[in-house]
């Protein structure tokens, strides 16, 4: 029981951290208007799907 409980606590903490990071990104976008164009993001994601890991486009 403790293993499952600890696992859920870890997942909850990870979810909270990811949510906080998402909100920080959203706030930064609202302040700056900077975004990655869809075309660049799509190519990057296609490369990831093929196992070709590259830095996130700017």
C-alpha atoms as a PDB file:
ATOM      1  CA  UNK A   1       0.000   0.000   0.000  1.00  0.00           C
ATOM      2  CA  UNK A   2       2.811   2.435   0.821  1.00  0.00           C
ATOM      3  CA  UNK A   3       4.406   1.849  -2.585  1.00  0.00           C
ATOM      4  CA  UNK A   4       1.203   2.835  -4.385  1.00  0.00           C
ATOM      5  CA  UNK A   5       0.671   5.806  -2.087  1.00  0.00           C
ATOM      6  CA  UNK A   6       4.241   7.040  -2.650  1.00  0.00           C
ATOM      7  CA  UNK A   7       3.861   6.560  -6.384  1.00  0.00           C
ATOM      8  CA  UNK A   8       0.699   8.671  -6.424  1.00  0.00           C
ATOM      9  CA  UNK A   9       2.402  11.380  -4.361  1.00  0.00           C
ATOM     10  CA  UNK A  10       5.270  11.451  -6.846  1.00  0.00           C
ATOM     11  CA  UNK A  11       2.895  11.680  -9.801  1.00  0.00           C
ATOM     12  CA  UNK A  12       0.950  14.474  -8.110  1.00  0.00           C
ATOM     13  CA  UNK A  13       4.140  16.439  -7.449  1.00  0.00           C
ATOM     14  CA  UNK A  14       5.242  15.959 -11.047  1.00  0.00           C
ATOM     15  CA  UNK A  15       1.840  17.104 -12.332  1.00  0.00           C
ATOM     16  CA  UNK A  16       1.983  20.235 -10.166  1.00  0.00           C
ATOM     17  CA  UNK A  17       5.503  21.039 -11.405  1.00  0.00           C
ATOM     18  CA  UNK A  18       4.479  20.564 -15.048  1.00  0.00           C
ATOM     19  CA  UNK A  19       1.380  22.722 -14.544  1.00  0.00           C
ATOM     20  CA  UNK A  20       3.515  25.481 -12.984  1.00  0.00           C
ATOM     21  CA  UNK A  21       5.973  25.309 -15.914  1.00  0.00           C
ATOM     22  CA  UNK A  22       3.087  25.493 -18.395  1.00  0.00           C
ATOM     23  CA  UNK A  23       1.682  28.571 -16.669  1.00  0.00           C
ATOM     24  CA  UNK A  24       5.115  30.226 -16.682  1.00  0.00           C
ATOM     25  CA  UNK A  25       5.402  29.589 -20.432  1.00  0.00           C
ATOM     26  CA  UNK A  26       1.900  30.946 -21.038  1.00  0.00           C
ATOM     27  CA  UNK A  27       2.622  34.090 -19.027  1.00  0.00           C
ATOM     28  CA  UNK A  28       5.906  34.616 -20.899  1.00  0.00           C
ATOM     29  CA  UNK A  29       4.047  34.268 -24.218  1.00  0.00           C
ATOM     30  CA  UNK A  30       1.419  36.769 -23.111  1.00  0.00           C
ATOM     31  CA  UNK A  31       4.114  39.278 -22.131  1.00  0.00           C
ATOM     32  CA  UNK A  32       6.357  38.874 -25.167  1.00  0.00           C
ATOM     33  CA  UNK A  33       4.180  37.420 -27.933  1.00  0.00           C
ATOM     34  CA  UNK A  34       7.141  35.231 -28.860  1.00  0.00           C
ATOM     35  CA  UNK A  35       6.230  31.817 -30.211  1.00  0.00           C
ATOM     36  CA  UNK A  36       7.651  29.058 -32.385  1.00  0.00           C
ATOM     37  CA  UNK A  37       6.017  29.003 -35.845  1.00  0.00           C
ATOM     38  CA  UNK A  38       3.902  25.916 -36.510  1.00  0.00           C
ATOM     39  CA  UNK A  39       6.059  24.848 -39.451  1.00  0.00           C
ATOM     40  CA  UNK A  40       9.220  24.758 -37.337  1.00  0.00           C
ATOM     41  CA  UNK A  41       7.464  22.937 -34.486  1.00  0.00           C
ATOM     42  CA  UNK A  42       5.980  20.351 -36.877  1.00  0.00           C
ATOM     43  CA  UNK A  43       9.388  19.545 -38.398  1.00  0.00           C
ATOM     44  CA  UNK A  44      10.920  19.260 -34.935  1.00  0.00           C
ATOM     45  CA  UNK A  45       8.173  16.880 -33.776  1.00  0.00           C
ATOM     46  CA  UNK A  46       8.538  14.760 -36.917  1.00  0.00           C
ATOM     47  CA  UNK A  47      12.262  14.429 -36.213  1.00  0.00           C
ATOM     48  CA  UNK A  48      11.565  13.407 -32.609  1.00  0.00           C
ATOM     49  CA  UNK A  49       9.137  10.731 -33.816  1.00  0.00           C
ATOM     50  CA  UNK A  50      11.893   9.328 -36.022  1.00  0.00           C
ATOM     51  CA  UNK A  51      14.314   9.229 -33.097  1.00  0.00           C
ATOM     52  CA  UNK A  52      16.297  12.217 -34.328  1.00  0.00           C
ATOM     53  CA  UNK A  53      16.543  14.316 -31.177  1.00  0.00           C
ATOM     54  CA  UNK A  54      17.402  17.943 -31.806  1.00  0.00           C
ATOM     55  CA  UNK A  55      17.197  21.076 -29.667  1.00  0.00           C
ATOM     56  CA  UNK A  56      13.832  22.786 -29.579  1.00  0.00           C
ATOM     57  CA  UNK A  57      13.566  25.389 -32.355  1.00  0.00           C
ATOM     58  CA  UNK A  58      13.771  29.069 -31.451  1.00  0.00           C
END
